[in-house]
Amino acid sequence: MLGGFMETLKKDWLALVLISVLICGITLNVRAEEKSGRSGYIEPKLVFPVISDVHIKETGTLDLRTFQHALTQLNEQAPKQDAFVVVGDLADTGALKEYDRFFSIYNQNKQPQAVSLFTIGNHEYRDSVTNQQAQQRFLSKTKMKALYFHQVIKGYHFIMLGTESRLTAGDYSIKQINWLGEQLKIAKRDDPKKPIFVFIHQPINNTLYGKNRWGIEVNEQLLYNTLKPYPQVITFSGHTHHPLDDPRTIFQRDFTSLATSSVRYIWPGAGYLQGELPPGYRDVSQGLLVEVYNRKVVVKRRDFHANKWTGEAWKIDIPADSKKISLHE
């Protein structure tokens, strides 16, 4: 009798072991699939914030506090950043003291592993006598290697463009745009299935909200036509200060264009019931957090003044297809 009991127990024990192994095997396979990124939404391959229009002044504290709030929240939401991008108008006039105050906050909060990337905006030219002086000051203070340059981070291509004068609408020379065309070819040749990130202070007209008032005027059509053959391009621009809550701050036709709003304050623009500058406009502060996965680029919109996300994340399919490019929610 005892022998029969032991035989039954042995069979039950073996059955339990087999079930446990099977369960563990399934769990391990699921985890392995998640880690591989085949599901597309487990671990981002690349993470970077994009902000603009910080407008640090020579005196005062509100601009510094606003900038500090933005950096603190981005570090909380993305503790492992691969890059940090500011798309122009770091300073309000480009004065030396403004740069110093900007970097007094930025350097204290920057994650050491994140690559700093800055583009020059029109406000960086306001304090200098000549365009060349403003550019040299920008390069000296930001330690960028050129006014426009191309950098690869973790296998992804970042192309930084730079406006070349104090012109509000933006000044991008034929030389710079031709250079951009060559860099796009290089990026596509490297991996045609990956997104190509292009950063520029002023938006291209007839893309984002604010067209024909704040968009590029000099060589605008050449710039657009240079980007047009590359549906994998995602552009980021500042300058307009328009709120990210507006659906027109993302545009997709031949490529994807995204607005970054403003850290310093928003400017809703004409057509709002509250007027062009409604009460409280200087209290609103916004920016983006970008996460790149195997099959999508996810762009989250952040309200720094409210310490929360606003709206649904923008989800952009990769690889992009110009024949069916569209906004996915």
C-alpha atoms as a PDB file:
ATOM      1  CA  MET A   1       0.000   0.000   0.000  1.00  0.00           C
ATOM      2  CA  LEU A   2       2.790   2.352   0.940  1.00  0.00           C
ATOM      3  CA  GLY A   3       4.565   1.471  -2.310  1.00  0.00           C
ATOM      4  CA  GLY A   4       1.450   2.393  -4.316  1.00  0.00           C
ATOM      5  CA  PHE A   5       1.166   5.733  -2.514  1.00  0.00           C
ATOM      6  CA  MET A   6       4.809   6.527  -3.227  1.00  0.00           C
ATOM      7  CA  GLU A   7       4.384   5.653  -6.906  1.00  0.00           C
ATOM      8  CA  THR A   8       1.365   7.961  -7.182  1.00  0.00           C
ATOM      9  CA  LEU A   9       3.240  10.768  -5.388  1.00  0.00           C
ATOM     10  CA  LYS A  10       6.196  10.289  -7.711  1.00  0.00           C
ATOM     11  CA  LYS A  11       3.965  10.582 -10.789  1.00  0.00           C
ATOM     12  CA  ASP A  12       2.235  13.676  -9.364  1.00  0.00           C
ATOM     13  CA  TRP A  13       5.575  15.258  -8.549  1.00  0.00           C
ATOM     14  CA  LEU A  14       6.841  14.637 -12.077  1.00  0.00           C
ATOM     15  CA  ALA A  15       3.649  16.116 -13.450  1.00  0.00           C
ATOM     16  CA  LEU A  16       4.096  19.240 -11.313  1.00  0.00           C
ATOM     17  CA  VAL A  17       7.688  19.604 -12.448  1.00  0.00           C
ATOM     18  CA  LEU A  18       6.664  19.286 -16.103  1.00  0.00           C
ATOM     19  CA  ILE A  19       3.892  21.867 -15.651  1.00  0.00           C
ATOM     20  CA  SER A  20       6.287  24.228 -13.877  1.00  0.00           C
ATOM     21  CA  VAL A  21       8.891  23.846 -16.611  1.00  0.00           C
ATOM     22  CA  LEU A  22       6.248  24.482 -19.265  1.00  0.00           C
ATOM     23  CA  ILE A  23       4.968  27.585 -17.501  1.00  0.00           C
ATOM     24  CA  CYS A  24       8.479  28.906 -16.939  1.00  0.00           C
ATOM     25  CA  GLY A  25       9.329  28.210 -20.554  1.00  0.00           C
ATOM     26  CA  ILE A  26       6.336  30.182 -21.769  1.00  0.00           C
ATOM     27  CA  THR A  27       7.206  33.041 -19.430  1.00  0.00           C
ATOM     28  CA  LEU A  28      10.802  33.066 -20.577  1.00  0.00           C
ATOM     29  CA  ASN A  29       9.740  33.055 -24.222  1.00  0.00           C
ATOM     30  CA  VAL A  30       7.390  35.970 -23.637  1.00  0.00           C
ATOM     31  CA  ARG A  31      10.049  37.937 -21.816  1.00  0.00           C
ATOM     32  CA  ALA A  32      12.586  37.154 -24.505  1.00  0.00           C
ATOM     33  CA  GLU A  33      10.153  38.435 -27.138  1.00  0.00           C
ATOM     34  CA  GLU A  34       9.563  41.605 -25.121  1.00  0.00           C
ATOM     35  CA  LYS A  35      13.262  42.228 -24.671  1.00  0.00           C
ATOM     36  CA  SER A  36      13.878  41.697 -28.364  1.00  0.00           C
ATOM     37  CA  GLY A  37      11.580  44.576 -29.138  1.00  0.00           C
ATOM     38  CA  ARG A  38       9.390  42.606 -31.564  1.00  0.00           C
ATOM     39  CA  SER A  39       6.318  43.898 -29.770  1.00  0.00           C
ATOM     40  CA  GLY A  40       7.607  47.426 -30.433  1.00  0.00           C
ATOM     41  CA  TYR A  41       6.534  49.040 -27.150  1.00  0.00           C
ATOM     42  CA  ILE A  42       8.651  47.537 -24.378  1.00  0.00           C
ATOM     43  CA  GLU A  43      12.031  49.233 -24.295  1.00  0.00           C
ATOM     44  CA  PRO A  44      12.721  52.249 -26.493  1.00  0.00           C
ATOM     45  CA  LYS A  45      15.893  52.090 -28.539  1.00  0.00           C
ATOM     46  CA  LEU A  46      16.375  55.850 -28.303  1.00  0.00           C
ATOM     47  CA  VAL A  47      14.984  58.550 -25.990  1.00  0.00           C
ATOM     48  CA  PHE A  48      15.394  62.307 -26.287  1.00  0.00           C
ATOM     49  CA  PRO A  49      13.476  65.443 -25.256  1.00  0.00           C
ATOM     50  CA  VAL A  50      12.991  68.292 -27.721  1.00  0.00           C
ATOM     51  CA  ILE A  51      12.238  71.780 -26.418  1.00  0.00           C
ATOM     52  CA  SER A  52      12.577  75.287 -27.820  1.00  0.00           C
ATOM     53  CA  ASP A  53      12.163  78.979 -27.143  1.00  0.00           C
ATOM     54  CA  VAL A  54      13.514  79.069 -23.603  1.00  0.00           C
ATOM     55  CA  HIS A  55      14.221  82.813 -23.941  1.00  0.00           C
ATOM     56  CA  ILE A  56      16.519  83.274 -20.956  1.00  0.00           C
ATOM     57  CA  LYS A  57      16.940  86.985 -20.168  1.00  0.00           C
ATOM     58  CA  GLU A  58      19.825  88.875 -18.567  1.00  0.00           C
ATOM     59  CA  THR A  59      17.851  89.509 -15.359  1.00  0.00           C
ATOM     60  CA  GLY A  60      14.853  88.105 -13.530  1.00  0.00           C
ATOM     61  CA  THR A  61      13.958  84.717 -12.090  1.00  0.00           C
ATOM     62  CA  LEU A  62      10.740  83.582 -13.802  1.00  0.00           C
ATOM     63  CA  ASP A  63      12.557  82.434 -16.948  1.00  0.00           C
ATOM     64  CA  LEU A  64      15.044  80.411 -14.868  1.00  0.00           C
ATOM     65  CA  ARG A  65      12.306  78.807 -12.755  1.00  0.00           C
ATOM     66  CA  THR A  66      10.318  77.869 -15.852  1.00  0.00           C
ATOM     67  CA  PHE A  67      13.367  76.286 -17.472  1.00  0.00           C
ATOM     68  CA  GLN A  68      14.197  74.433 -14.263  1.00  0.00           C
ATOM     69  CA  HIS A  69      10.665  73.004 -14.037  1.00  0.00           C
ATOM     70  CA  ALA A  70      10.917  71.706 -17.601  1.00  0.00           C
ATOM     71  CA  LEU A  71      14.268  70.003 -17.046  1.00  0.00           C
ATOM     72  CA  THR A  72      13.198  68.475 -13.731  1.00  0.00           C
ATOM     73  CA  GLN A  73      10.094  66.910 -15.241  1.00  0.00           C
ATOM     74  CA  LEU A  74      11.911  65.583 -18.292  1.00  0.00           C
ATOM     75  CA  ASN A  75      14.478  63.925 -16.045  1.00  0.00           C
ATOM     76  CA  GLU A  76      11.684  62.380 -13.982  1.00  0.00           C
ATOM     77  CA  GLN A  77       9.840  61.087 -17.038  1.00  0.00           C
ATOM     78  CA  ALA A  78      12.970  60.020 -18.936  1.00  0.00           C
ATOM     79  CA  PRO A  79      15.785  59.143 -16.509  1.00  0.00           C
ATOM     80  CA  LYS A  80      17.870  57.596 -19.320  1.00  0.00           C
ATOM     81  CA  GLN A  81      18.122  60.102 -22.163  1.00  0.00           C
ATOM     82  CA  ASP A  82      20.356  59.527 -25.169  1.00  0.00           C
ATOM     83  CA  ALA A  83      20.238  63.154 -26.347  1.00  0.00           C
ATOM     84  CA  PHE A  84      18.746  66.496 -25.381  1.00  0.00           C
ATOM     85  CA  VAL A  85      17.705  68.905 -28.133  1.00  0.00           C
ATOM     86  CA  VAL A  86      16.894  72.618 -27.940  1.00  0.00           C
ATOM     87  CA  VAL A  87      15.551  73.952 -31.248  1.00  0.00           C
ATOM     88  CA  GLY A  88      16.614  77.592 -31.027  1.00  0.00           C
ATOM     89  CA  ASP A  89      15.996  80.740 -28.988  1.00  0.00           C
ATOM     90  CA  LEU A  90      17.921  79.528 -25.964  1.00  0.00           C
ATOM     91  CA  ALA A  91      18.576  83.193 -25.183  1.00  0.00           C
ATOM     92  CA  ASP A  92      16.235  86.142 -25.553  1.00  0.00           C
ATOM     93  CA  THR A  93      18.720  88.407 -27.358  1.00  0.00           C
ATOM     94  CA  GLY A  94      21.897  86.332 -27.548  1.00  0.00           C
ATOM     95  CA  ALA A  95      23.680  88.368 -24.876  1.00  0.00           C
ATOM     96  CA  LEU A  96      26.620  86.700 -23.140  1.00  0.00           C
ATOM     97  CA  LYS A  97      24.948  86.843 -19.741  1.00  0.00           C
ATOM     98  CA  GLU A  98      21.850  85.139 -21.139  1.00  0.00           C
ATOM     99  CA  TYR A  99      23.913  82.204 -22.387  1.00  0.00           C
ATOM    100  CA  ASP A 100      25.651  82.006 -19.008  1.00  0.00           C
ATOM    101  CA  ARG A 101      22.324  81.936 -17.175  1.00  0.00           C
ATOM    102  CA  PHE A 102      20.958  79.318 -19.589  1.00  0.00           C
ATOM    103  CA  PHE A 103      23.876  76.985 -19.005  1.00  0.00           C
ATOM    104  CA  SER A 104      23.895  77.579 -15.245  1.00  0.00           C
ATOM    105  CA  ILE A 105      20.559  75.726 -15.212  1.00  0.00           C
ATOM    106  CA  TYR A 106      21.131  73.330 -18.093  1.00  0.00           C
ATOM    107  CA  ASN A 107      24.497  71.986 -16.932  1.00  0.00           C
ATOM    108  CA  GLN A 108      23.167  71.299 -13.436  1.00  0.00           C
ATOM    109  CA  ASN A 109      20.313  69.192 -14.810  1.00  0.00           C
ATOM    110  CA  LYS A 110      21.746  67.576 -17.931  1.00  0.00           C
ATOM    111  CA  GLN A 111      22.180  63.820 -17.800  1.00  0.00           C
ATOM    112  CA  PRO A 112      25.896  63.074 -18.360  1.00  0.00           C
ATOM    113  CA  GLN A 113      25.285  60.418 -21.021  1.00  0.00           C
ATOM    114  CA  ALA A 114      22.910  62.568 -23.093  1.00  0.00           C
ATOM    115  CA  VAL A 115      24.351  64.285 -26.178  1.00  0.00           C
ATOM    116  CA  SER A 116      23.514  68.016 -26.158  1.00  0.00           C
ATOM    117  CA  LEU A 117      22.242  69.347 -29.478  1.00  0.00           C
ATOM    118  CA  PHE A 118      21.339  73.015 -30.058  1.00  0.00           C
ATOM    119  CA  THR A 119      20.167  74.934 -33.112  1.00  0.00           C
ATOM    120  CA  ILE A 120      20.475  78.694 -33.430  1.00  0.00           C
ATOM    121  CA  GLY A 121      17.264  80.753 -33.550  1.00  0.00           C
ATOM    122  CA  ASN A 122      16.543  84.294 -34.675  1.00  0.00           C
ATOM    123  CA  HIS A 123      16.707  85.625 -31.097  1.00  0.00           C
ATOM    124  CA  GLU A 124      20.347  84.591 -30.781  1.00  0.00           C
ATOM    125  CA  TYR A 125      21.182  87.317 -33.324  1.00  0.00           C
ATOM    126  CA  ARG A 126      19.557  90.255 -31.572  1.00  0.00           C
ATOM    127  CA  ASP A 127      22.442  91.372 -29.339  1.00  0.00           C
ATOM    128  CA  SER A 128      25.212  91.240 -31.953  1.00  0.00           C
ATOM    129  CA  VAL A 129      26.298  93.833 -34.499  1.00  0.00           C
ATOM    130  CA  THR A 130      26.841  91.290 -37.262  1.00  0.00           C
ATOM    131  CA  ASN A 131      25.450  87.866 -38.128  1.00  0.00           C
ATOM    132  CA  GLN A 132      28.944  86.398 -37.961  1.00  0.00           C
ATOM    133  CA  GLN A 133      29.449  87.683 -34.417  1.00  0.00           C
ATOM    134  CA  ALA A 134      26.175  86.122 -33.314  1.00  0.00           C
ATOM    135  CA  GLN A 135      27.102  82.791 -34.882  1.00  0.00           C
ATOM    136  CA  GLN A 136      30.554  82.742 -33.293  1.00  0.00           C
ATOM    137  CA  ARG A 137      29.063  83.550 -29.908  1.00  0.00           C
ATOM    138  CA  PHE A 138      26.495  80.770 -30.290  1.00  0.00           C
ATOM    139  CA  LEU A 139      29.133  78.207 -31.250  1.00  0.00           C
ATOM    140  CA  SER A 140      31.464  79.299 -28.459  1.00  0.00           C
ATOM    141  CA  LYS A 141      28.806  79.157 -25.754  1.00  0.00           C
ATOM    142  CA  THR A 142      26.978  76.003 -26.872  1.00  0.00           C
ATOM    143  CA  LYS A 143      30.127  74.142 -28.003  1.00  0.00           C
ATOM    144  CA  MET A 144      28.360  72.975 -31.157  1.00  0.00           C
ATOM    145  CA  LYS A 145      30.810  72.015 -33.902  1.00  0.00           C
ATOM    146  CA  ALA A 146      29.129  74.077 -36.626  1.00  0.00           C
ATOM    147  CA  LEU A 147      26.071  76.180 -37.393  1.00  0.00           C
ATOM    148  CA  TYR A 148      24.613  73.136 -39.139  1.00  0.00           C
ATOM    149  CA  PHE A 149      25.897  69.604 -38.698  1.00  0.00           C
ATOM    150  CA  HIS A 150      25.040  65.899 -38.820  1.00  0.00           C
ATOM    151  CA  GLN A 151      25.467  63.531 -35.884  1.00  0.00           C
ATOM    152  CA  VAL A 152      24.686  59.836 -35.444  1.00  0.00           C
ATOM    153  CA  ILE A 153      23.480  58.688 -32.018  1.00  0.00           C
ATOM    154  CA  LYS A 154      22.960  54.969 -31.378  1.00  0.00           C
ATOM    155  CA  GLY A 155      22.608  54.386 -35.106  1.00  0.00           C
ATOM    156  CA  TYR A 156      20.043  57.163 -35.670  1.00  0.00           C
ATOM    157  CA  HIS A 157      20.740  60.283 -37.734  1.00  0.00           C
ATOM    158  CA  PHE A 158      20.263  63.772 -36.261  1.00  0.00           C
ATOM    159  CA  ILE A 159      20.616  66.653 -38.734  1.00  0.00           C
ATOM    160  CA  MET A 160      20.819  70.117 -37.188  1.00  0.00           C
ATOM    161  CA  LEU A 161      20.082  73.171 -39.337  1.00  0.00           C
ATOM    162  CA  GLY A 162      20.862  76.800 -38.443  1.00  0.00           C
ATOM    163  CA  THR A 163      19.242  80.027 -39.527  1.00  0.00           C
ATOM    164  CA  GLU A 164      21.919  82.337 -40.929  1.00  0.00           C
ATOM    165  CA  SER A 165      20.684  85.811 -40.003  1.00  0.00           C
ATOM    166  CA  ARG A 166      18.435  87.754 -37.645  1.00  0.00           C
ATOM    167  CA  LEU A 167      15.544  87.508 -40.128  1.00  0.00           C
ATOM    168  CA  THR A 168      12.459  86.528 -38.128  1.00  0.00           C
ATOM    169  CA  ALA A 169      11.149  84.213 -40.825  1.00  0.00           C
ATOM    170  CA  GLY A 170      14.428  82.334 -41.115  1.00  0.00           C
ATOM    171  CA  ASP A 171      17.343  82.468 -43.517  1.00  0.00           C
ATOM    172  CA  TYR A 172      18.610  79.141 -44.868  1.00  0.00           C
ATOM    173  CA  SER A 173      21.079  79.454 -47.737  1.00  0.00           C
ATOM    174  CA  ILE A 174      21.157  77.354 -50.875  1.00  0.00           C
ATOM    175  CA  LYS A 175      24.549  76.093 -49.709  1.00  0.00           C
ATOM    176  CA  GLN A 176      23.069  74.817 -46.443  1.00  0.00           C
ATOM    177  CA  ILE A 177      20.068  73.224 -48.143  1.00  0.00           C
ATOM    178  CA  ASN A 178      22.284  71.483 -50.705  1.00  0.00           C
ATOM    179  CA  TRP A 179      24.377  70.207 -47.792  1.00  0.00           C
ATOM    180  CA  LEU A 180      21.153  68.912 -46.201  1.00  0.00           C
ATOM    181  CA  GLY A 181      20.348  66.996 -49.383  1.00  0.00           C
ATOM    182  CA  GLU A 182      23.703  65.215 -49.215  1.00  0.00           C
ATOM    183  CA  GLN A 183      23.232  64.331 -45.560  1.00  0.00           C
ATOM    184  CA  LEU A 184      19.779  62.882 -46.240  1.00  0.00           C
ATOM    185  CA  LYS A 185      21.281  60.619 -48.894  1.00  0.00           C
ATOM    186  CA  ILE A 186      23.906  59.435 -46.414  1.00  0.00           C
ATOM    187  CA  ALA A 187      21.311  58.751 -43.718  1.00  0.00           C
ATOM    188  CA  LYS A 188      19.023  56.829 -46.064  1.00  0.00           C
ATOM    189  CA  ARG A 189      21.909  54.803 -47.446  1.00  0.00           C
ATOM    190  CA  ASP A 190      22.925  53.878 -43.900  1.00  0.00           C
ATOM    191  CA  ASP A 191      19.470  52.412 -43.128  1.00  0.00           C
ATOM    192  CA  PRO A 192      16.420  53.244 -45.294  1.00  0.00           C
ATOM    193  CA  LYS A 193      14.034  51.846 -42.672  1.00  0.00           C
ATOM    194  CA  LYS A 194      15.058  54.163 -39.840  1.00  0.00           C
ATOM    195  CA  PRO A 195      13.628  57.631 -39.181  1.00  0.00           C
ATOM    196  CA  ILE A 196      15.812  60.637 -39.953  1.00  0.00           C
ATOM    197  CA  PHE A 197      15.474  63.482 -37.439  1.00  0.00           C
ATOM    198  CA  VAL A 198      15.864  67.048 -38.762  1.00  0.00           C
ATOM    199  CA  PHE A 199      15.893  70.045 -36.392  1.00  0.00           C
ATOM    200  CA  ILE A 200      15.240  73.614 -37.489  1.00  0.00           C
ATOM    201  CA  HIS A 201      14.123  76.701 -35.601  1.00  0.00           C
ATOM    202  CA  GLN A 202      11.524  78.102 -38.009  1.00  0.00           C
ATOM    203  CA  PRO A 203       8.855  75.799 -39.505  1.00  0.00           C
ATOM    204  CA  ILE A 204       8.417  75.330 -43.225  1.00  0.00           C
ATOM    205  CA  ASN A 205       5.452  77.221 -44.627  1.00  0.00           C
ATOM    206  CA  ASN A 206       2.327  75.249 -45.545  1.00  0.00           C
ATOM    207  CA  THR A 207       3.104  72.519 -43.037  1.00  0.00           C
ATOM    208  CA  LEU A 208       2.486  73.453 -39.417  1.00  0.00           C
ATOM    209  CA  TYR A 209      -0.038  75.826 -37.868  1.00  0.00           C
ATOM    210  CA  GLY A 210       1.165  79.386 -38.226  1.00  0.00           C
ATOM    211  CA  LYS A 211       2.069  79.163 -41.906  1.00  0.00           C
ATOM    212  CA  ASN A 212       2.678  82.331 -43.906  1.00  0.00           C
ATOM    213  CA  ARG A 213       3.359  84.323 -40.754  1.00  0.00           C
ATOM    214  CA  TRP A 214       6.081  82.540 -38.848  1.00  0.00           C
ATOM    215  CA  GLY A 215       7.365  80.085 -41.447  1.00  0.00           C
ATOM    216  CA  ILE A 216      10.531  80.186 -43.534  1.00  0.00           C
ATOM    217  CA  GLU A 217      10.572  82.596 -46.467  1.00  0.00           C
ATOM    218  CA  VAL A 218      14.100  82.435 -47.892  1.00  0.00           C
ATOM    219  CA  ASN A 219      14.537  79.332 -50.100  1.00  0.00           C
ATOM    220  CA  GLU A 220      11.487  77.730 -48.521  1.00  0.00           C
ATOM    221  CA  GLN A 221      10.430  75.751 -51.615  1.00  0.00           C
ATOM    222  CA  LEU A 222      13.938  74.423 -52.173  1.00  0.00           C
ATOM    223  CA  LEU A 223      14.054  73.264 -48.552  1.00  0.00           C
ATOM    224  CA  TYR A 224      10.702  71.517 -48.842  1.00  0.00           C
ATOM    225  CA  ASN A 225      11.625  69.852 -52.133  1.00  0.00           C
ATOM    226  CA  THR A 226      14.898  68.639 -50.603  1.00  0.00           C
ATOM    227  CA  LEU A 227      12.999  66.888 -47.799  1.00  0.00           C
ATOM    228  CA  LYS A 228      10.119  65.667 -49.987  1.00  0.00           C
ATOM    229  CA  PRO A 229      11.713  62.406 -51.268  1.00  0.00           C
ATOM    230  CA  TYR A 230      12.275  61.194 -47.696  1.00  0.00           C
ATOM    231  CA  PRO A 231       9.055  60.065 -45.971  1.00  0.00           C
ATOM    232  CA  GLN A 232      11.176  58.796 -43.074  1.00  0.00           C
ATOM    233  CA  VAL A 233      12.126  62.373 -42.176  1.00  0.00           C
ATOM    234  CA  ILE A 234      10.650  63.853 -38.997  1.00  0.00           C
ATOM    235  CA  THR A 235      11.279  67.581 -38.598  1.00  0.00           C
ATOM    236  CA  PHE A 236      11.116  69.429 -35.274  1.00  0.00           C
ATOM    237  CA  SER A 237      10.718  73.209 -35.217  1.00  0.00           C
ATOM    238  CA  GLY A 238      10.064  75.912 -32.634  1.00  0.00           C
ATOM    239  CA  HIS A 239       9.644  79.657 -33.152  1.00  0.00           C
ATOM    240  CA  THR A 240       5.836  79.904 -33.312  1.00  0.00           C
ATOM    241  CA  HIS A 241       5.143  79.258 -29.586  1.00  0.00           C
ATOM    242  CA  HIS A 242       1.852  77.667 -30.630  1.00  0.00           C
ATOM    243  CA  PRO A 243       0.293  75.289 -28.075  1.00  0.00           C
ATOM    244  CA  LEU A 244       0.782  71.564 -28.577  1.00  0.00           C
ATOM    245  CA  ASP A 245      -2.888  70.980 -27.763  1.00  0.00           C
ATOM    246  CA  ASP A 246      -3.755  72.229 -31.247  1.00  0.00           C
ATOM    247  CA  PRO A 247      -3.972  69.323 -33.748  1.00  0.00           C
ATOM    248  CA  ARG A 248      -2.269  71.489 -36.373  1.00  0.00           C
ATOM    249  CA  THR A 249       1.046  71.246 -34.526  1.00  0.00           C
ATOM    250  CA  ILE A 250       1.651  67.958 -36.375  1.00  0.00           C
ATOM    251  CA  PHE A 251       1.507  67.718 -40.166  1.00  0.00           C
ATOM    252  CA  GLN A 252       2.106  64.785 -42.504  1.00  0.00           C
ATOM    253  CA  ARG A 253       2.221  64.895 -46.273  1.00  0.00           C
ATOM    254  CA  ASP A 254       5.533  63.917 -47.854  1.00  0.00           C
ATOM    255  CA  PHE A 255       7.253  63.710 -44.476  1.00  0.00           C
ATOM    256  CA  THR A 256       6.314  64.452 -40.858  1.00  0.00           C
ATOM    257  CA  SER A 257       6.551  67.941 -39.339  1.00  0.00           C
ATOM    258  CA  LEU A 258       6.236  68.516 -35.593  1.00  0.00           C
ATOM    259  CA  ALA A 259       6.063  71.736 -33.590  1.00  0.00           C
ATOM    260  CA  THR A 260       7.741  71.934 -30.192  1.00  0.00           C
ATOM    261  CA  SER A 261       5.723  74.844 -28.723  1.00  0.00           C
ATOM    262  CA  SER A 262       7.750  76.886 -26.199  1.00  0.00           C
ATOM    263  CA  VAL A 263       9.209  76.512 -22.741  1.00  0.00           C
ATOM    264  CA  ARG A 264       8.905  80.230 -21.987  1.00  0.00           C
ATOM    265  CA  TYR A 265       5.278  81.007 -22.976  1.00  0.00           C
ATOM    266  CA  ILE A 266       2.693  80.146 -25.635  1.00  0.00           C
ATOM    267  CA  TRP A 267       1.263  82.304 -28.408  1.00  0.00           C
ATOM    268  CA  PRO A 268      -2.047  80.822 -29.594  1.00  0.00           C
ATOM    269  CA  GLY A 269      -2.329  83.153 -32.580  1.00  0.00           C
ATOM    270  CA  ALA A 270      -5.237  84.849 -34.285  1.00  0.00           C
ATOM    271  CA  GLY A 271      -8.569  83.056 -34.430  1.00  0.00           C
ATOM    272  CA  TYR A 272      -8.939  82.092 -30.786  1.00  0.00           C
ATOM    273  CA  LEU A 273     -11.974  83.341 -28.869  1.00  0.00           C
ATOM    274  CA  GLN A 274      -9.717  84.637 -26.106  1.00  0.00           C
ATOM    275  CA  GLY A 275      -7.686  86.674 -28.572  1.00  0.00           C
ATOM    276  CA  GLU A 276      -4.153  86.313 -29.821  1.00  0.00           C
ATOM    277  CA  LEU A 277      -2.614  86.613 -26.358  1.00  0.00           C
ATOM    278  CA  PRO A 278      -5.235  85.379 -23.875  1.00  0.00           C
ATOM    279  CA  PRO A 279      -4.880  85.823 -20.107  1.00  0.00           C
ATOM    280  CA  GLY A 280      -2.326  83.434 -18.621  1.00  0.00           C
ATOM    281  CA  TYR A 281      -0.415  82.861 -21.862  1.00  0.00           C
ATOM    282  CA  ARG A 282       2.899  83.526 -20.120  1.00  0.00           C
ATOM    283  CA  ASP A 283       2.247  80.750 -17.603  1.00  0.00           C
ATOM    284  CA  VAL A 284       1.980  77.944 -20.184  1.00  0.00           C
ATOM    285  CA  SER A 285       5.174  75.967 -20.822  1.00  0.00           C
ATOM    286  CA  GLN A 286       5.413  72.931 -23.124  1.00  0.00           C
ATOM    287  CA  GLY A 287       7.790  70.530 -24.858  1.00  0.00           C
ATOM    288  CA  LEU A 288       8.196  67.051 -26.337  1.00  0.00           C
ATOM    289  CA  LEU A 289       9.623  63.704 -25.279  1.00  0.00           C
ATOM    290  CA  VAL A 290      10.543  61.333 -28.116  1.00  0.00           C
ATOM    291  CA  GLU A 291      10.781  57.541 -27.771  1.00  0.00           C
ATOM    292  CA  VAL A 292      11.968  55.453 -30.709  1.00  0.00           C
ATOM    293  CA  TYR A 293      10.926  51.800 -30.978  1.00  0.00           C
ATOM    294  CA  ASN A 294      11.369  49.126 -33.638  1.00  0.00           C
ATOM    295  CA  ARG A 295       8.181  50.014 -35.482  1.00  0.00           C
ATOM    296  CA  LYS A 296       7.099  53.413 -34.211  1.00  0.00           C
ATOM    297  CA  VAL A 297       8.313  56.783 -33.067  1.00  0.00           C
ATOM    298  CA  VAL A 298       6.215  57.887 -30.094  1.00  0.00           C
ATOM    299  CA  VAL A 299       6.153  61.614 -29.331  1.00  0.00           C
ATOM    300  CA  LYS A 300       4.649  62.669 -26.002  1.00  0.00           C
ATOM    301  CA  ARG A 301       3.475  66.226 -25.397  1.00  0.00           C
ATOM    302  CA  ARG A 302       4.268  67.675 -21.983  1.00  0.00           C
ATOM    303  CA  ASP A 303       2.629  70.540 -20.082  1.00  0.00           C
ATOM    304  CA  PHE A 304       5.445  71.628 -17.784  1.00  0.00           C
ATOM    305  CA  HIS A 305       3.255  74.229 -16.059  1.00  0.00           C
ATOM    306  CA  ALA A 306       0.723  71.519 -15.109  1.00  0.00           C
ATOM    307  CA  ASN A 307       3.251  68.689 -14.635  1.00  0.00           C
ATOM    308  CA  LYS A 308       1.298  66.307 -16.891  1.00  0.00           C
ATOM    309  CA  TRP A 309       0.973  65.021 -20.437  1.00  0.00           C
ATOM    310  CA  THR A 310      -1.439  66.767 -22.768  1.00  0.00           C
ATOM    311  CA  GLY A 311      -3.421  64.891 -25.414  1.00  0.00           C
ATOM    312  CA  GLU A 312      -2.631  61.495 -26.871  1.00  0.00           C
ATOM    313  CA  ALA A 313       0.922  60.687 -27.884  1.00  0.00           C
ATOM    314  CA  TRP A 314       1.718  61.064 -31.569  1.00  0.00           C
ATOM    315  CA  LYS A 315       2.629  57.644 -32.981  1.00  0.00           C
ATOM    316  CA  ILE A 316       4.493  57.636 -36.267  1.00  0.00           C
ATOM    317  CA  ASP A 317       4.971  54.372 -38.155  1.00  0.00           C
ATOM    318  CA  ILE A 318       8.433  53.315 -39.292  1.00  0.00           C
ATOM    319  CA  PRO A 319       9.517  52.553 -41.878  1.00  0.00           C
ATOM    320  CA  ALA A 320       7.480  55.366 -43.398  1.00  0.00           C
ATOM    321  CA  ASP A 321       5.685  55.005 -46.711  1.00  0.00           C
ATOM    322  CA  SER A 322       5.008  58.201 -48.636  1.00  0.00           C
ATOM    323  CA  LYS A 323       2.011  56.573 -50.373  1.00  0.00           C
ATOM    324  CA  LYS A 324       0.158  56.034 -47.136  1.00  0.00           C
ATOM    325  CA  ILE A 325       1.731  58.440 -44.673  1.00  0.00           C
ATOM    326  CA  SER A 326      -0.861  59.455 -42.085  1.00  0.00           C
ATOM    327  CA  LEU A 327      -1.287  60.342 -38.440  1.00  0.00           C
ATOM    328  CA  HIS A 328      -1.824  57.335 -36.191  1.00  0.00           C
ATOM    329  CA  GLU A 329      -3.336  57.545 -32.726  1.00  0.00           C
END
